[in-house]
Amino acid sequence: MAQSEDLETEIYEWAKANASASGYKLNPDYDIVMLAVKGLANNKKKYGEMYCSCREISGDKEKDKKIICPCVYRSRDMDRKGSCKCALYVK
């Protein structure tokens, strides 16, 4: 298995556990989940952090801490529309 597939599998398993621990679920649409997971994996490889792929990375590590998955906006987005911005997590 390729290294990027390993990382994607690891992130998928982490996201599943994180959703469960937070009282959320992963999106039932597998394609949306995998799109988000691939974005997180790419950002992890490129920047060393799992920055949400649906948010803009400023390059300022302190500022960008807010958008490390699960980002600080997740609970607000969940309350407002029932999913986070990238739709990885749903109620």
PDB file of N, CA and C in Angstrom:
ATOM      1  N   MET A   1       0.853  -1.198   0.000  1.00  0.00           N
ATOM      2  CA  MET A   1       0.000   0.000   0.000  1.00  0.00           C
ATOM      3  C   MET A   1       0.887   1.246   0.000  1.00  0.00           C
ATOM      4  N   ALA A   2       0.499   2.209  -0.780  1.00  0.00           N
ATOM      5  CA  ALA A   2       1.274   3.449  -0.875  1.00  0.00           C
ATOM      6  C   ALA A   2       1.193   4.223   0.436  1.00  0.00           C
ATOM      7  N   GLN A   3       2.214   5.031   0.679  1.00  0.00           N
ATOM      8  CA  GLN A   3       2.282   5.812   1.914  1.00  0.00           C
ATOM      9  C   GLN A   3       1.098   6.771   2.052  1.00  0.00           C
ATOM     10  N   SER A   4       0.664   7.386   0.941  1.00  0.00           N
ATOM     11  CA  SER A   4      -0.455   8.329   1.019  1.00  0.00           C
ATOM     12  C   SER A   4      -1.747   7.597   1.374  1.00  0.00           C
ATOM     13  N   GLU A   5      -1.906   6.345   0.900  1.00  0.00           N
ATOM     14  CA  GLU A   5      -3.088   5.556   1.247  1.00  0.00           C
ATOM     15  C   GLU A   5      -3.082   5.211   2.731  1.00  0.00           C
ATOM     16  N   ASP A   6      -1.898   4.914   3.260  1.00  0.00           N
ATOM     17  CA  ASP A   6      -1.771   4.650   4.700  1.00  0.00           C
ATOM     18  C   ASP A   6      -2.215   5.853   5.505  1.00  0.00           C
ATOM     19  N   LEU A   7      -1.755   7.022   5.102  1.00  0.00           N
ATOM     20  CA  LEU A   7      -2.103   8.262   5.804  1.00  0.00           C
ATOM     21  C   LEU A   7      -3.608   8.521   5.701  1.00  0.00           C
ATOM     22  N   GLU A   8      -4.171   8.310   4.533  1.00  0.00           N
ATOM     23  CA  GLU A   8      -5.616   8.498   4.362  1.00  0.00           C
ATOM     24  C   GLU A   8      -6.406   7.541   5.246  1.00  0.00           C
ATOM     25  N   THR A   9      -5.978   6.294   5.308  1.00  0.00           N
ATOM     26  CA  THR A   9      -6.652   5.307   6.163  1.00  0.00           C
ATOM     27  C   THR A   9      -6.557   5.731   7.620  1.00  0.00           C
ATOM     28  N   GLU A  10      -5.386   6.184   8.026  1.00  0.00           N
ATOM     29  CA  GLU A  10      -5.155   6.637   9.400  1.00  0.00           C
ATOM     30  C   GLU A  10      -6.074   7.832   9.731  1.00  0.00           C
ATOM     31  N   ILE A  11      -6.163   8.786   8.816  1.00  0.00           N
ATOM     32  CA  ILE A  11      -7.004   9.971   9.030  1.00  0.00           C
ATOM     33  C   ILE A  11      -8.478   9.583   9.041  1.00  0.00           C
ATOM     34  N   TYR A  12      -8.871   8.677   8.164  1.00  0.00           N
ATOM     35  CA  TYR A  12     -10.262   8.217   8.132  1.00  0.00           C
ATOM     36  C   TYR A  12     -10.636   7.587   9.475  1.00  0.00           C
ATOM     37  N   GLU A  13      -9.780   6.707   9.982  1.00  0.00           N
ATOM     38  CA  GLU A  13     -10.037   6.045  11.267  1.00  0.00           C
ATOM     39  C   GLU A  13     -10.067   7.067  12.406  1.00  0.00           C
ATOM     40  N   TRP A  14      -9.150   8.042  12.358  1.00  0.00           N
ATOM     41  CA  TRP A  14      -9.119   9.095  13.371  1.00  0.00           C
ATOM     42  C   TRP A  14     -10.418   9.908  13.325  1.00  0.00           C
ATOM     43  N   ALA A  15     -10.846  10.284  12.116  1.00  0.00           N
ATOM     44  CA  ALA A  15     -12.052  11.097  11.957  1.00  0.00           C
ATOM     45  C   ALA A  15     -13.287  10.352  12.461  1.00  0.00           C
ATOM     46  N   LYS A  16     -13.338   9.059  12.183  1.00  0.00           N
ATOM     47  CA  LYS A  16     -14.455   8.233  12.637  1.00  0.00           C
ATOM     48  C   LYS A  16     -14.508   8.219  14.169  1.00  0.00           C
ATOM     49  N   ALA A  17     -13.362   8.017  14.795  1.00  0.00           N
ATOM     50  CA  ALA A  17     -13.278   7.997  16.266  1.00  0.00           C
ATOM     51  C   ALA A  17     -13.593   9.379  16.837  1.00  0.00           C
ATOM     52  N   ASN A  18     -13.092  10.422  16.196  1.00  0.00           N
ATOM     53  CA  ASN A  18     -13.332  11.790  16.656  1.00  0.00           C
ATOM     54  C   ASN A  18     -14.811  12.143  16.560  1.00  0.00           C
ATOM     55  N   ALA A  19     -15.441  11.757  15.482  1.00  0.00           N
ATOM     56  CA  ALA A  19     -16.881  12.017  15.306  1.00  0.00           C
ATOM     57  C   ALA A  19     -17.662  11.347  16.423  1.00  0.00           C
ATOM     58  N   SER A  20     -17.365  10.097  16.661  1.00  0.00           N
ATOM     59  CA  SER A  20     -18.056   9.320  17.689  1.00  0.00           C
ATOM     60  C   SER A  20     -17.866   9.938  19.075  1.00  0.00           C
ATOM     61  N   ALA A  21     -16.637  10.311  19.382  1.00  0.00           N
ATOM     62  CA  ALA A  21     -16.322  10.898  20.690  1.00  0.00           C
ATOM     63  C   ALA A  21     -16.985  12.267  20.876  1.00  0.00           C
ATOM     64  N   SER A  22     -17.277  12.950  19.767  1.00  0.00           N
ATOM     65  CA  SER A  22     -17.871  14.291  19.815  1.00  0.00           C
ATOM     66  C   SER A  22     -19.394  14.261  19.714  1.00  0.00           C
ATOM     67  N   GLY A  23     -19.961  13.074  19.534  1.00  0.00           N
ATOM     68  CA  GLY A  23     -21.412  12.964  19.383  1.00  0.00           C
ATOM     69  C   GLY A  23     -21.891  13.267  17.974  1.00  0.00           C
ATOM     70  N   TYR A  24     -20.971  13.229  17.002  1.00  0.00           N
ATOM     71  CA  TYR A  24     -21.323  13.458  15.598  1.00  0.00           C
ATOM     72  C   TYR A  24     -21.135  12.153  14.832  1.00  0.00           C
ATOM     73  N   LYS A  25     -21.357  12.222  13.531  1.00  0.00           N
ATOM     74  CA  LYS A  25     -21.118  11.082  12.652  1.00  0.00           C
ATOM     75  C   LYS A  25     -20.320  11.579  11.457  1.00  0.00           C
ATOM     76  N   LEU A  26     -19.704  10.643  10.749  1.00  0.00           N
ATOM     77  CA  LEU A  26     -19.117  11.015   9.469  1.00  0.00           C
ATOM     78  C   LEU A  26     -20.265  11.096   8.465  1.00  0.00           C
ATOM     79  N   ASN A  27     -20.091  11.921   7.464  1.00  0.00           N
ATOM     80  CA  ASN A  27     -21.098  12.065   6.426  1.00  0.00           C
ATOM     81  C   ASN A  27     -21.401  10.685   5.823  1.00  0.00           C
ATOM     82  N   PRO A  28     -22.677  10.335   5.643  1.00  0.00           N
ATOM     83  CA  PRO A  28     -22.999   9.035   5.044  1.00  0.00           C
ATOM     84  C   PRO A  28     -22.574   8.930   3.576  1.00  0.00           C
ATOM     85  N   ASP A  29     -22.281  10.070   2.937  1.00  0.00           N
ATOM     86  CA  ASP A  29     -21.799  10.057   1.557  1.00  0.00           C
ATOM     87  C   ASP A  29     -20.279   9.816   1.573  1.00  0.00           C
ATOM     88  N   TYR A  30     -19.889   8.589   1.257  1.00  0.00           N
ATOM     89  CA  TYR A  30     -18.485   8.172   1.317  1.00  0.00           C
ATOM     90  C   TYR A  30     -17.584   9.061   0.453  1.00  0.00           C
ATOM     91  N   ASP A  31     -18.079   9.501  -0.708  1.00  0.00           N
ATOM     92  CA  ASP A  31     -17.265  10.339  -1.602  1.00  0.00           C
ATOM     93  C   ASP A  31     -16.904  11.669  -0.942  1.00  0.00           C
ATOM     94  N   ILE A  32     -17.849  12.259  -0.228  1.00  0.00           N
ATOM     95  CA  ILE A  32     -17.590  13.520   0.479  1.00  0.00           C
ATOM     96  C   ILE A  32     -16.566  13.292   1.584  1.00  0.00           C
ATOM     97  N   VAL A  33     -16.726  12.196   2.318  1.00  0.00           N
ATOM     98  CA  VAL A  33     -15.781  11.858   3.388  1.00  0.00           C
ATOM     99  C   VAL A  33     -14.378  11.687   2.810  1.00  0.00           C
ATOM    100  N   MET A  34     -14.265  10.935   1.729  1.00  0.00           N
ATOM    101  CA  MET A  34     -12.941  10.684   1.161  1.00  0.00           C
ATOM    102  C   MET A  34     -12.322  11.938   0.558  1.00  0.00           C
ATOM    103  N   LEU A  35     -13.140  12.837   0.027  1.00  0.00           N
ATOM    104  CA  LEU A  35     -12.628  14.112  -0.485  1.00  0.00           C
ATOM    105  C   LEU A  35     -12.011  14.914   0.667  1.00  0.00           C
ATOM    106  N   ALA A  36     -12.728  14.963   1.801  1.00  0.00           N
ATOM    107  CA  ALA A  36     -12.220  15.681   2.977  1.00  0.00           C
ATOM    108  C   ALA A  36     -10.964  15.005   3.526  1.00  0.00           C
ATOM    109  N   VAL A  37     -10.981  13.678   3.591  1.00  0.00           N
ATOM    110  CA  VAL A  37      -9.830  12.924   4.105  1.00  0.00           C
ATOM    111  C   VAL A  37      -8.602  13.148   3.224  1.00  0.00           C
ATOM    112  N   LYS A  38      -8.789  13.111   1.905  1.00  0.00           N
ATOM    113  CA  LYS A  38      -7.666  13.357   0.982  1.00  0.00           C
ATOM    114  C   LYS A  38      -7.106  14.771   1.188  1.00  0.00           C
ATOM    115  N   GLY A  39      -7.991  15.746   1.371  1.00  0.00           N
ATOM    116  CA  GLY A  39      -7.551  17.119   1.616  1.00  0.00           C
ATOM    117  C   GLY A  39      -6.761  17.233   2.907  1.00  0.00           C
ATOM    118  N   LEU A  40      -7.235  16.563   3.960  1.00  0.00           N
ATOM    119  CA  LEU A  40      -6.514  16.573   5.241  1.00  0.00           C
ATOM    120  C   LEU A  40      -5.146  15.902   5.091  1.00  0.00           C
ATOM    121  N   ALA A  41      -5.112  14.786   4.372  1.00  0.00           N
ATOM    122  CA  ALA A  41      -3.849  14.059   4.156  1.00  0.00           C
ATOM    123  C   ALA A  41      -2.862  14.924   3.359  1.00  0.00           C
ATOM    124  N   ASN A  42      -3.355  15.594   2.314  1.00  0.00           N
ATOM    125  CA  ASN A  42      -2.481  16.464   1.513  1.00  0.00           C
ATOM    126  C   ASN A  42      -1.914  17.598   2.356  1.00  0.00           C
ATOM    127  N   ASN A  43      -2.765  18.206   3.185  1.00  0.00           N
ATOM    128  CA  ASN A  43      -2.293  19.300   4.037  1.00  0.00           C
ATOM    129  C   ASN A  43      -1.321  18.805   5.093  1.00  0.00           C
ATOM    130  N   LYS A  44      -1.554  17.613   5.619  1.00  0.00           N
ATOM    131  CA  LYS A  44      -0.640  17.018   6.608  1.00  0.00           C
ATOM    132  C   LYS A  44       0.740  16.821   5.973  1.00  0.00           C
ATOM    133  N   LYS A  45       0.753  16.301   4.735  1.00  0.00           N
ATOM    134  CA  LYS A  45       2.029  16.081   4.034  1.00  0.00           C
ATOM    135  C   LYS A  45       2.714  17.405   3.693  1.00  0.00           C
ATOM    136  N   LYS A  46       1.926  18.366   3.226  1.00  0.00           N
ATOM    137  CA  LYS A  46       2.484  19.635   2.759  1.00  0.00           C
ATOM    138  C   LYS A  46       2.868  20.577   3.899  1.00  0.00           C
ATOM    139  N   TYR A  47       2.023  20.658   4.946  1.00  0.00           N
ATOM    140  CA  TYR A  47       2.221  21.648   6.008  1.00  0.00           C
ATOM    141  C   TYR A  47       2.542  21.042   7.375  1.00  0.00           C
ATOM    142  N   GLY A  48       2.405  19.716   7.494  1.00  0.00           N
ATOM    143  CA  GLY A  48       2.696  19.074   8.773  1.00  0.00           C
ATOM    144  C   GLY A  48       1.528  19.088   9.748  1.00  0.00           C
ATOM    145  N   GLU A  49       0.392  19.622   9.327  1.00  0.00           N
ATOM    146  CA  GLU A  49      -0.821  19.652  10.163  1.00  0.00           C
ATOM    147  C   GLU A  49      -2.020  19.260   9.313  1.00  0.00           C
ATOM    148  N   MET A  50      -3.049  18.741   9.975  1.00  0.00           N
ATOM    149  CA  MET A  50      -4.278  18.388   9.266  1.00  0.00           C
ATOM    150  C   MET A  50      -5.196  19.607   9.193  1.00  0.00           C
ATOM    151  N   TYR A  51      -4.791  20.578   8.389  1.00  0.00           N
ATOM    152  CA  TYR A  51      -5.622  21.763   8.207  1.00  0.00           C
ATOM    153  C   TYR A  51      -6.852  21.372   7.398  1.00  0.00           C
ATOM    154  N   CYS A  52      -8.004  21.913   7.783  1.00  0.00           N
ATOM    155  CA  CYS A  52      -9.231  21.672   7.026  1.00  0.00           C
ATOM    156  C   CYS A  52      -9.001  22.133   5.590  1.00  0.00           C
ATOM    157  N   SER A  53      -9.342  21.276   4.653  1.00  0.00           N
ATOM    158  CA  SER A  53      -9.110  21.628   3.247  1.00  0.00           C
ATOM    159  C   SER A  53     -10.146  22.621   2.736  1.00  0.00           C
ATOM    160  N   CYS A  54     -11.206  22.859   3.519  1.00  0.00           N
ATOM    161  CA  CYS A  54     -12.237  23.810   3.098  1.00  0.00           C
ATOM    162  C   CYS A  54     -11.953  25.222   3.621  1.00  0.00           C
ATOM    163  N   ARG A  55     -10.865  25.395   4.330  1.00  0.00           N
ATOM    164  CA  ARG A  55     -10.510  26.711   4.887  1.00  0.00           C
ATOM    165  C   ARG A  55      -9.175  27.149   4.305  1.00  0.00           C
ATOM    166  N   GLU A  56      -8.997  28.460   4.210  1.00  0.00           N
ATOM    167  CA  GLU A  56      -7.766  29.005   3.628  1.00  0.00           C
ATOM    168  C   GLU A  56      -6.648  29.031   4.664  1.00  0.00           C
ATOM    169  N   ILE A  57      -5.498  28.523   4.279  1.00  0.00           N
ATOM    170  CA  ILE A  57      -4.323  28.506   5.156  1.00  0.00           C
ATOM    171  C   ILE A  57      -3.571  29.815   4.941  1.00  0.00           C
ATOM    172  N   SER A  58      -3.336  30.540   6.047  1.00  0.00           N
ATOM    173  CA  SER A  58      -2.695  31.860   5.927  1.00  0.00           C
ATOM    174  C   SER A  58      -1.171  31.751   5.906  1.00  0.00           C
ATOM    175  N   GLY A  59      -0.643  30.671   6.481  1.00  0.00           N
ATOM    176  CA  GLY A  59       0.804  30.551   6.594  1.00  0.00           C
ATOM    177  C   GLY A  59       1.301  30.992   7.969  1.00  0.00           C
ATOM    178  N   ASP A  60       0.436  31.646   8.730  1.00  0.00           N
ATOM    179  CA  ASP A  60       0.737  32.049  10.104  1.00  0.00           C
ATOM    180  C   ASP A  60       0.316  30.907  11.023  1.00  0.00           C
ATOM    181  N   LYS A  61       1.310  30.153  11.525  1.00  0.00           N
ATOM    182  CA  LYS A  61       1.028  28.947  12.314  1.00  0.00           C
ATOM    183  C   LYS A  61       0.089  29.204  13.486  1.00  0.00           C
ATOM    184  N   GLU A  62       0.265  30.328  14.144  1.00  0.00           N
ATOM    185  CA  GLU A  62      -0.576  30.650  15.306  1.00  0.00           C
ATOM    186  C   GLU A  62      -2.029  30.863  14.877  1.00  0.00           C
ATOM    187  N   LYS A  63      -2.209  31.623  13.822  1.00  0.00           N
ATOM    188  CA  LYS A  63      -3.540  31.900  13.293  1.00  0.00           C
ATOM    189  C   LYS A  63      -4.187  30.627  12.722  1.00  0.00           C
ATOM    190  N   ASP A  64      -3.369  29.815  12.056  1.00  0.00           N
ATOM    191  CA  ASP A  64      -3.879  28.617  11.388  1.00  0.00           C
ATOM    192  C   ASP A  64      -4.218  27.482  12.353  1.00  0.00           C
ATOM    193  N   LYS A  65      -3.819  27.598  13.629  1.00  0.00           N
ATOM    194  CA  LYS A  65      -4.180  26.575  14.615  1.00  0.00           C
ATOM    195  C   LYS A  65      -5.688  26.358  14.655  1.00  0.00           C
ATOM    196  N   LYS A  66      -6.439  27.436  14.394  1.00  0.00           N
ATOM    197  CA  LYS A  66      -7.905  27.395  14.433  1.00  0.00           C
ATOM    198  C   LYS A  66      -8.501  26.458  13.390  1.00  0.00           C
ATOM    199  N   ILE A  67      -7.751  26.211  12.302  1.00  0.00           N
ATOM    200  CA  ILE A  67      -8.320  25.413  11.213  1.00  0.00           C
ATOM    201  C   ILE A  67      -7.741  24.000  11.144  1.00  0.00           C
ATOM    202  N   ILE A  68      -7.078  23.571  12.212  1.00  0.00           N
ATOM    203  CA  ILE A  68      -6.648  22.175  12.283  1.00  0.00           C
ATOM    204  C   ILE A  68      -7.892  21.352  12.610  1.00  0.00           C
ATOM    205  N   CYS A  69      -8.111  20.322  11.839  1.00  0.00           N
ATOM    206  CA  CYS A  69      -9.312  19.489  11.994  1.00  0.00           C
ATOM    207  C   CYS A  69      -9.311  18.759  13.335  1.00  0.00           C
ATOM    208  N   PRO A  70     -10.399  18.753  14.067  1.00  0.00           N
ATOM    209  CA  PRO A  70     -11.634  19.478  13.807  1.00  0.00           C
ATOM    210  C   PRO A  70     -11.432  20.954  14.153  1.00  0.00           C
ATOM    211  N   CYS A  71     -11.796  21.812  13.233  1.00  0.00           N
ATOM    212  CA  CYS A  71     -11.537  23.250  13.400  1.00  0.00           C
ATOM    213  C   CYS A  71     -12.453  23.868  14.449  1.00  0.00           C
ATOM    214  N   VAL A  72     -12.101  25.060  14.873  1.00  0.00           N
ATOM    215  CA  VAL A  72     -12.867  25.757  15.918  1.00  0.00           C
ATOM    216  C   VAL A  72     -14.274  26.126  15.444  1.00  0.00           C
ATOM    217  N   TYR A  73     -14.492  26.087  14.147  1.00  0.00           N
ATOM    218  CA  TYR A  73     -15.793  26.470  13.595  1.00  0.00           C
ATOM    219  C   TYR A  73     -16.781  25.304  13.537  1.00  0.00           C
ATOM    220  N   ARG A  74     -16.291  24.087  13.801  1.00  0.00           N
ATOM    221  CA  ARG A  74     -17.129  22.907  13.615  1.00  0.00           C
ATOM    222  C   ARG A  74     -18.437  22.956  14.399  1.00  0.00           C
ATOM    223  N   SER A  75     -18.386  23.207  15.700  1.00  0.00           N
ATOM    224  CA  SER A  75     -19.625  23.150  16.485  1.00  0.00           C
ATOM    225  C   SER A  75     -20.610  24.243  16.059  1.00  0.00           C
ATOM    226  N   ARG A  76     -20.098  25.416  15.710  1.00  0.00           N
ATOM    227  CA  ARG A  76     -20.975  26.491  15.224  1.00  0.00           C
ATOM    228  C   ARG A  76     -21.653  26.066  13.915  1.00  0.00           C
ATOM    229  N   ASP A  77     -20.864  25.525  12.999  1.00  0.00           N
ATOM    230  CA  ASP A  77     -21.410  25.073  11.715  1.00  0.00           C
ATOM    231  C   ASP A  77     -22.417  23.937  11.918  1.00  0.00           C
ATOM    232  N   MET A  78     -22.111  23.036  12.844  1.00  0.00           N
ATOM    233  CA  MET A  78     -23.010  21.910  13.125  1.00  0.00           C
ATOM    234  C   MET A  78     -24.349  22.438  13.630  1.00  0.00           C
ATOM    235  N   ASP A  79     -24.296  23.434  14.533  1.00  0.00           N
ATOM    236  CA  ASP A  79     -25.520  24.018  15.078  1.00  0.00           C
ATOM    237  C   ASP A  79     -26.321  24.741  13.990  1.00  0.00           C
ATOM    238  N   ARG A  80     -25.608  25.437  13.110  1.00  0.00           N
ATOM    239  CA  ARG A  80     -26.274  26.241  12.078  1.00  0.00           C
ATOM    240  C   ARG A  80     -26.859  25.405  10.943  1.00  0.00           C
ATOM    241  N   LYS A  81     -26.060  24.431  10.455  1.00  0.00           N
ATOM    242  CA  LYS A  81     -26.530  23.724   9.258  1.00  0.00           C
ATOM    243  C   LYS A  81     -26.448  22.202   9.346  1.00  0.00           C
ATOM    244  N   GLY A  82     -26.089  21.680  10.503  1.00  0.00           N
ATOM    245  CA  GLY A  82     -26.085  20.230  10.678  1.00  0.00           C
ATOM    246  C   GLY A  82     -24.867  19.505  10.136  1.00  0.00           C
ATOM    247  N   SER A  83     -23.880  20.288   9.648  1.00  0.00           N
ATOM    248  CA  SER A  83     -22.615  19.689   9.200  1.00  0.00           C
ATOM    249  C   SER A  83     -21.527  20.740   9.307  1.00  0.00           C
ATOM    250  N   CYS A  84     -20.281  20.289   9.307  1.00  0.00           N
ATOM    251  CA  CYS A  84     -19.186  21.258   9.275  1.00  0.00           C
ATOM    252  C   CYS A  84     -19.061  21.770   7.830  1.00  0.00           C
ATOM    253  N   LYS A  85     -18.223  22.755   7.609  1.00  0.00           N
ATOM    254  CA  LYS A  85     -18.137  23.392   6.286  1.00  0.00           C
ATOM    255  C   LYS A  85     -17.792  22.398   5.181  1.00  0.00           C
ATOM    256  N   CYS A  86     -16.859  21.502   5.431  1.00  0.00           N
ATOM    257  CA  CYS A  86     -16.466  20.547   4.380  1.00  0.00           C
ATOM    258  C   CYS A  86     -17.382  19.324   4.354  1.00  0.00           C
ATOM    259  N   ALA A  87     -18.307  19.259   5.294  1.00  0.00           N
ATOM    260  CA  ALA A  87     -19.310  18.182   5.383  1.00  0.00           C
ATOM    261  C   ALA A  87     -18.721  16.819   5.758  1.00  0.00           C
ATOM    262  N   LEU A  88     -17.522  16.826   6.347  1.00  0.00           N
ATOM    263  CA  LEU A  88     -16.958  15.570   6.858  1.00  0.00           C
ATOM    264  C   LEU A  88     -17.801  15.082   8.023  1.00  0.00           C
ATOM    265  N   TYR A  89     -18.112  16.001   8.927  1.00  0.00           N
ATOM    266  CA  TYR A  89     -18.902  15.669  10.107  1.00  0.00           C
ATOM    267  C   TYR A  89     -20.351  16.140   9.947  1.00  0.00           C
ATOM    268  N   VAL A  90     -21.276  15.308  10.375  1.00  0.00           N
ATOM    269  CA  VAL A  90     -22.697  15.657  10.342  1.00  0.00           C
ATOM    270  C   VAL A  90     -23.323  15.272  11.669  1.00  0.00           C
ATOM    271  N   LYS A  91     -24.503  15.872  11.940  1.00  0.00           N
ATOM    272  CA  LYS A  91     -25.234  15.543  13.171  1.00  0.00           C
ATOM    273  C   LYS A  91     -25.936  14.215  13.028  1.00  0.00           C
TER     274      LYS A  91
END
